[in-house]
Amino acid sequence: MNIYVGNLPYSTTEDDLRAIFERHGEVSSAKVVIDRETNRSKGFGFVEMPDDHDAEDAIKALDGSPMNGRPLRVNQAKPREGGPGGGGGGGFRRPGGGGSRPPR
C-alpha cells in the first residue's frame, strides 16, 4: 500500500520517515518530496508498505501523532490523475489569438 504522509517537519529525512513506519511493519520504500528549485523538503512524502494490514495499522497509529511538534497527516495515497507527466492545463486560451498567421 502506498501511504501519503503530510505536515512533515522540513528537516525530516527519508531515514527518519522509514524508521517511524518500520515500527508497524516492513517498509519497501520511504520518499520525502524535495522542491527542485530550493532543494528543500516540501513537507510531505510517501511510504510504501507491502502488507496492507500493517499499512492500515500504521495509518491509524500515526495519523495526528506529533513529530517535532507537528501533527502528521497520514492516509492511503490516492493514485495520480492524468497518468505519466501529470497531465496538463488544457483548454485555456489567451485572448487575442496567438497563432502564426499574420493579421488581415
Protein backbone atom coordinates (compact mmCIF):
# COMPACT_ATOMS: atom_id res chain seq x y z
CA MET A 1 0.00 0.00 0.00
CA ASN A 2 1.21 3.49 -0.82
CA ILE A 3 0.80 5.91 2.10
CA TYR A 4 0.78 9.73 1.99
CA VAL A 5 2.46 11.48 4.92
CA GLY A 6 1.83 15.22 5.20
CA ASN A 7 2.77 18.04 7.56
CA LEU A 8 6.29 16.66 7.94
CA PRO A 9 8.87 18.89 9.60
CA TYR A 10 11.13 20.25 6.82
CA SER A 11 14.14 18.62 8.50
CA THR A 12 12.70 15.08 8.08
CA THR A 13 14.92 12.69 6.13
CA GLU A 14 13.89 9.55 4.30
CA ASP A 15 15.63 7.51 7.02
CA ASP A 16 13.52 9.30 9.68
CA LEU A 17 10.34 8.55 7.75
CA ARG A 18 11.30 4.91 7.24
CA ALA A 19 12.11 4.48 10.96
CA ILE A 20 8.70 5.77 12.08
CA PHE A 21 6.84 3.34 9.82
CA GLU A 22 9.10 0.33 10.44
CA ARG A 23 7.70 0.20 13.98
CA HIS A 24 4.48 -1.01 12.33
CA GLY A 25 5.86 -3.45 9.76
CA GLU A 26 8.07 -3.86 6.71
CA VAL A 27 8.70 -0.74 4.61
CA SER A 28 9.50 -1.16 0.90
CA SER A 29 10.35 2.50 0.35
CA ALA A 30 10.20 5.91 2.00
CA LYS A 31 10.42 9.12 -0.01
CA VAL A 32 10.42 12.74 1.16
CA VAL A 33 9.38 15.02 -1.71
CA ILE A 34 12.01 17.69 -2.44
CA ASP A 35 11.46 21.02 -4.20
CA ARG A 36 13.64 21.11 -7.33
CA GLU A 37 14.37 24.83 -7.10
CA THR A 38 15.25 25.11 -3.41
CA ASN A 39 16.42 21.51 -2.84
CA ARG A 40 14.40 21.52 0.42
CA SER A 41 11.62 19.26 1.61
CA LYS A 42 8.10 20.23 0.56
CA GLY A 43 6.80 18.91 3.90
CA PHE A 44 5.28 15.68 2.65
CA GLY A 45 6.29 12.25 1.46
CA PHE A 46 5.23 8.72 0.66
CA VAL A 47 5.84 5.36 2.29
CA GLU A 48 5.25 2.02 0.59
CA MET A 49 4.38 -0.98 2.77
CA PRO A 50 3.89 -4.41 1.16
CA ASP A 51 1.43 -5.71 3.80
CA ASP A 52 -1.90 -3.84 3.66
CA HIS A 53 -2.78 -4.87 7.24
CA ASP A 54 0.48 -3.38 8.57
CA ALA A 55 -0.10 -0.27 6.45
CA GLU A 56 -3.61 0.24 7.84
CA ASP A 57 -2.29 -0.18 11.38
CA ALA A 58 0.45 2.39 10.69
CA ILE A 59 -2.08 4.87 9.29
CA LYS A 60 -4.32 4.52 12.36
CA ALA A 61 -1.40 4.79 14.78
CA LEU A 62 0.42 7.70 13.11
CA ASP A 63 -2.33 9.99 11.76
CA GLY A 64 -2.39 13.02 14.07
CA SER A 65 0.65 11.89 16.04
CA PRO A 66 3.25 14.59 16.74
CA MET A 67 6.62 14.74 15.03
CA ASN A 68 8.81 17.62 16.22
CA GLY A 69 5.68 19.41 17.41
CA ARG A 70 3.73 18.97 14.15
CA PRO A 71 0.71 16.63 13.88
CA LEU A 72 1.29 14.24 10.98
CA ARG A 73 -1.40 13.70 8.35
CA VAL A 74 -1.27 10.06 7.29
CA ASN A 75 -3.63 8.32 4.87
CA GLN A 76 -3.70 5.98 1.91
CA ALA A 77 -2.25 7.78 -1.09
CA LYS A 78 -4.64 8.47 -3.93
CA PRO A 79 -3.46 7.48 -7.42
CA ARG A 80 -2.13 10.30 -9.56
CA GLU A 81 -4.62 11.58 -12.10
CA GLY A 82 -3.70 12.05 -15.74
CA GLY A 83 -1.11 9.27 -15.86
CA PRO A 84 2.59 9.90 -16.50
CA GLY A 85 3.60 13.52 -16.91
CA GLY A 86 0.93 14.87 -14.59
CA GLY A 87 -1.50 15.90 -17.35
CA GLY A 88 -1.76 19.47 -18.49
CA GLY A 89 -3.67 22.70 -18.12
CA GLY A 90 -5.73 22.16 -21.26
CA GLY A 91 -8.47 24.35 -22.59
CA PHE A 92 -7.11 27.76 -21.63
CA ARG A 93 -6.55 30.22 -24.46
CA ARG A 94 -5.23 33.67 -24.10
CA PRO A 95 -7.32 36.39 -25.68
CA GLY A 96 -6.04 37.88 -28.89
CA GLY A 97 -5.27 34.71 -30.84
CA GLY A 98 -1.58 33.99 -30.76
CA GLY A 99 -1.43 31.96 -33.96
CA SER A 100 1.31 32.28 -36.56
CA ARG A 101 -0.95 33.80 -39.23
CA PRO A 102 -0.34 37.46 -39.98
CA PRO A 103 -3.25 39.83 -39.17
CA ARG A 104 -5.61 40.71 -42.06
